[in-house]
Amino acid sequence: MKYELDLYDKWNEGRAEGIKEGIEQGLEKGIEIGEERGIAKGREKGIEIGEERGIAKGREEGIMQTAITALKQGIPAETVASFTGLSVLEVEALKNKV
């Protein structure tokens, strides 16, 4: 009988250790998967934001260059403003820089 109790105790100890080890491994794997997903999602969002900002900046630079070129050609500030969407004040400011 004592042998069976000792065996049962050892089995319980082994079971408890196994459960503890399983939980630790599960947590580690869960954290690893979460980090991978977070990094991928962050990278995706960063690229998206970067593209949006890049496109907007490129559009703005294109408009400014068009306005400068038009002003150099002698086109009136009001006309440049109507074609570019810039205000007359913004075009006038560019005109002073050209």
C-alpha atoms as a PDB file:
ATOM      1  CA  MET A   1       0.000   0.000   0.000  1.00  0.00           C
ATOM      2  CA  LYS A   2       2.817   2.398   0.843  1.00  0.00           C
ATOM      3  CA  TYR A   3       4.324   1.658  -2.547  1.00  0.00           C
ATOM      4  CA  GLU A   4       1.087   2.690  -4.274  1.00  0.00           C
ATOM      5  CA  LEU A   5       0.907   5.921  -2.248  1.00  0.00           C
ATOM      6  CA  ASP A   6       4.512   6.771  -3.092  1.00  0.00           C
ATOM      7  CA  LEU A   7       3.813   6.044  -6.746  1.00  0.00           C
ATOM      8  CA  TYR A   8       0.700   8.212  -6.646  1.00  0.00           C
ATOM      9  CA  ASP A   9       2.637  11.049  -4.978  1.00  0.00           C
ATOM     10  CA  LYS A  10       5.379  10.856  -7.615  1.00  0.00           C
ATOM     11  CA  TRP A  11       2.751  10.791 -10.351  1.00  0.00           C
ATOM     12  CA  ASN A  12       1.110  13.897  -8.882  1.00  0.00           C
ATOM     13  CA  GLU A  13       4.481  15.672  -8.638  1.00  0.00           C
ATOM     14  CA  GLY A  14       5.275  14.792 -12.236  1.00  0.00           C
ATOM     15  CA  ARG A  15       1.846  15.911 -13.359  1.00  0.00           C
ATOM     16  CA  ALA A  16       2.173  19.234 -11.533  1.00  0.00           C
ATOM     17  CA  GLU A  17       5.626  19.815 -13.008  1.00  0.00           C
ATOM     18  CA  GLY A  18       4.323  18.923 -16.461  1.00  0.00           C
ATOM     19  CA  ILE A  19       1.436  21.346 -16.147  1.00  0.00           C
ATOM     20  CA  LYS A  20       3.755  24.097 -14.907  1.00  0.00           C
ATOM     21  CA  GLU A  21       6.210  23.473 -17.755  1.00  0.00           C
ATOM     22  CA  GLY A  22       3.359  23.393 -20.279  1.00  0.00           C
ATOM     23  CA  ILE A  23       2.013  26.719 -19.053  1.00  0.00           C
ATOM     24  CA  GLU A  24       5.466  28.320 -19.230  1.00  0.00           C
ATOM     25  CA  GLN A  25       6.051  27.027 -22.763  1.00  0.00           C
ATOM     26  CA  GLY A  26       2.569  28.124 -23.803  1.00  0.00           C
ATOM     27  CA  LEU A  27       3.154  31.617 -22.464  1.00  0.00           C
ATOM     28  CA  GLU A  28       6.501  31.900 -24.220  1.00  0.00           C
ATOM     29  CA  LYS A  29       4.995  30.736 -27.512  1.00  0.00           C
ATOM     30  CA  GLY A  30       2.011  33.062 -27.078  1.00  0.00           C
ATOM     31  CA  ILE A  31       4.280  36.026 -26.434  1.00  0.00           C
ATOM     32  CA  GLU A  32       6.421  35.115 -29.455  1.00  0.00           C
ATOM     33  CA  ILE A  33       3.370  34.894 -31.717  1.00  0.00           C
ATOM     34  CA  GLY A  34       1.985  38.159 -30.310  1.00  0.00           C
ATOM     35  CA  GLU A  35       5.260  39.977 -30.896  1.00  0.00           C
ATOM     36  CA  GLU A  36       5.496  38.689 -34.467  1.00  0.00           C
ATOM     37  CA  ARG A  37       1.934  39.789 -35.199  1.00  0.00           C
ATOM     38  CA  GLY A  38       2.507  43.172 -33.540  1.00  0.00           C
ATOM     39  CA  ILE A  39       5.695  43.808 -35.493  1.00  0.00           C
ATOM     40  CA  ALA A  40       4.034  42.820 -38.778  1.00  0.00           C
ATOM     41  CA  LYS A  41       1.014  45.009 -38.068  1.00  0.00           C
ATOM     42  CA  GLY A  42       3.223  47.946 -37.021  1.00  0.00           C
ATOM     43  CA  ARG A  43       5.394  47.601 -40.111  1.00  0.00           C
ATOM     44  CA  GLU A  44       2.293  47.480 -42.327  1.00  0.00           C
ATOM     45  CA  LYS A  45       0.815  50.570 -40.677  1.00  0.00           C
ATOM     46  CA  GLY A  46       4.135  52.414 -40.868  1.00  0.00           C
ATOM     47  CA  ILE A  47       4.423  51.727 -44.584  1.00  0.00           C
ATOM     48  CA  GLU A  48       0.840  52.868 -45.094  1.00  0.00           C
ATOM     49  CA  ILE A  49       1.406  56.118 -43.192  1.00  0.00           C
ATOM     50  CA  GLY A  50       4.741  56.688 -44.928  1.00  0.00           C
ATOM     51  CA  GLU A  51       3.167  56.237 -48.351  1.00  0.00           C
ATOM     52  CA  GLU A  52       0.338  58.625 -47.507  1.00  0.00           C
ATOM     53  CA  ARG A  53       2.758  61.265 -46.254  1.00  0.00           C
ATOM     54  CA  GLY A  54       5.075  60.730 -49.211  1.00  0.00           C
ATOM     55  CA  ILE A  55       2.266  61.087 -51.715  1.00  0.00           C
ATOM     56  CA  ALA A  56       0.959  64.212 -49.993  1.00  0.00           C
ATOM     57  CA  LYS A  57       4.437  65.728 -49.819  1.00  0.00           C
ATOM     58  CA  GLY A  58       5.101  64.921 -53.476  1.00  0.00           C
ATOM     59  CA  ARG A  59       1.788  66.446 -54.491  1.00  0.00           C
ATOM     60  CA  GLU A  60       2.569  69.604 -52.500  1.00  0.00           C
ATOM     61  CA  GLU A  61       6.050  69.885 -54.010  1.00  0.00           C
ATOM     62  CA  GLY A  62       4.591  69.429 -57.499  1.00  0.00           C
ATOM     63  CA  ILE A  63       2.059  72.194 -56.955  1.00  0.00           C
ATOM     64  CA  MET A  64       4.733  74.544 -55.627  1.00  0.00           C
ATOM     65  CA  GLN A  65       7.035  73.801 -58.574  1.00  0.00           C
ATOM     66  CA  THR A  66       4.190  74.395 -61.016  1.00  0.00           C
ATOM     67  CA  ALA A  67       3.383  77.702 -59.332  1.00  0.00           C
ATOM     68  CA  ILE A  68       7.032  78.811 -59.418  1.00  0.00           C
ATOM     69  CA  THR A  69       7.354  77.880 -63.084  1.00  0.00           C
ATOM     70  CA  ALA A  70       4.146  79.742 -63.936  1.00  0.00           C
ATOM     71  CA  LEU A  71       5.314  82.835 -62.046  1.00  0.00           C
ATOM     72  CA  LYS A  72       8.652  82.743 -63.883  1.00  0.00           C
ATOM     73  CA  GLN A  73       6.666  82.716 -67.128  1.00  0.00           C
ATOM     74  CA  GLY A  74       4.938  85.931 -66.027  1.00  0.00           C
ATOM     75  CA  ILE A  75       1.524  84.435 -65.326  1.00  0.00           C
ATOM     76  CA  PRO A  76      -0.384  86.610 -62.804  1.00  0.00           C
ATOM     77  CA  ALA A  77      -0.579  85.395 -59.193  1.00  0.00           C
ATOM     78  CA  GLU A  78      -4.397  85.232 -59.332  1.00  0.00           C
ATOM     79  CA  THR A  79      -4.277  82.893 -62.344  1.00  0.00           C
ATOM     80  CA  VAL A  80      -1.606  80.699 -60.739  1.00  0.00           C
ATOM     81  CA  ALA A  81      -3.707  80.521 -57.572  1.00  0.00           C
ATOM     82  CA  SER A  82      -6.808  79.465 -59.518  1.00  0.00           C
ATOM     83  CA  PHE A  83      -4.941  76.622 -61.269  1.00  0.00           C
ATOM     84  CA  THR A  84      -2.950  75.317 -58.307  1.00  0.00           C
ATOM     85  CA  GLY A  85      -5.449  75.667 -55.480  1.00  0.00           C
ATOM     86  CA  LEU A  86      -2.997  77.848 -53.556  1.00  0.00           C
ATOM     87  CA  SER A  87      -4.238  81.101 -52.099  1.00  0.00           C
ATOM     88  CA  VAL A  88      -3.205  84.345 -53.750  1.00  0.00           C
ATOM     89  CA  LEU A  89      -1.198  85.139 -50.587  1.00  0.00           C
ATOM     90  CA  GLU A  90       0.719  81.868 -50.894  1.00  0.00           C
ATOM     91  CA  VAL A  91       1.437  82.553 -54.574  1.00  0.00           C
ATOM     92  CA  GLU A  92       2.542  86.086 -53.743  1.00  0.00           C
ATOM     93  CA  ALA A  93       4.905  84.685 -51.103  1.00  0.00           C
ATOM     94  CA  LEU A  94       6.369  82.347 -53.710  1.00  0.00           C
ATOM     95  CA  LYS A  95       6.642  85.209 -56.160  1.00  0.00           C
ATOM     96  CA  ASN A  96       8.775  87.146 -53.637  1.00  0.00           C
ATOM     97  CA  LYS A  97      11.115  84.149 -53.324  1.00  0.00           C
ATOM     98  CA  VAL A  98      11.552  83.699 -57.102  1.00  0.00           C
END
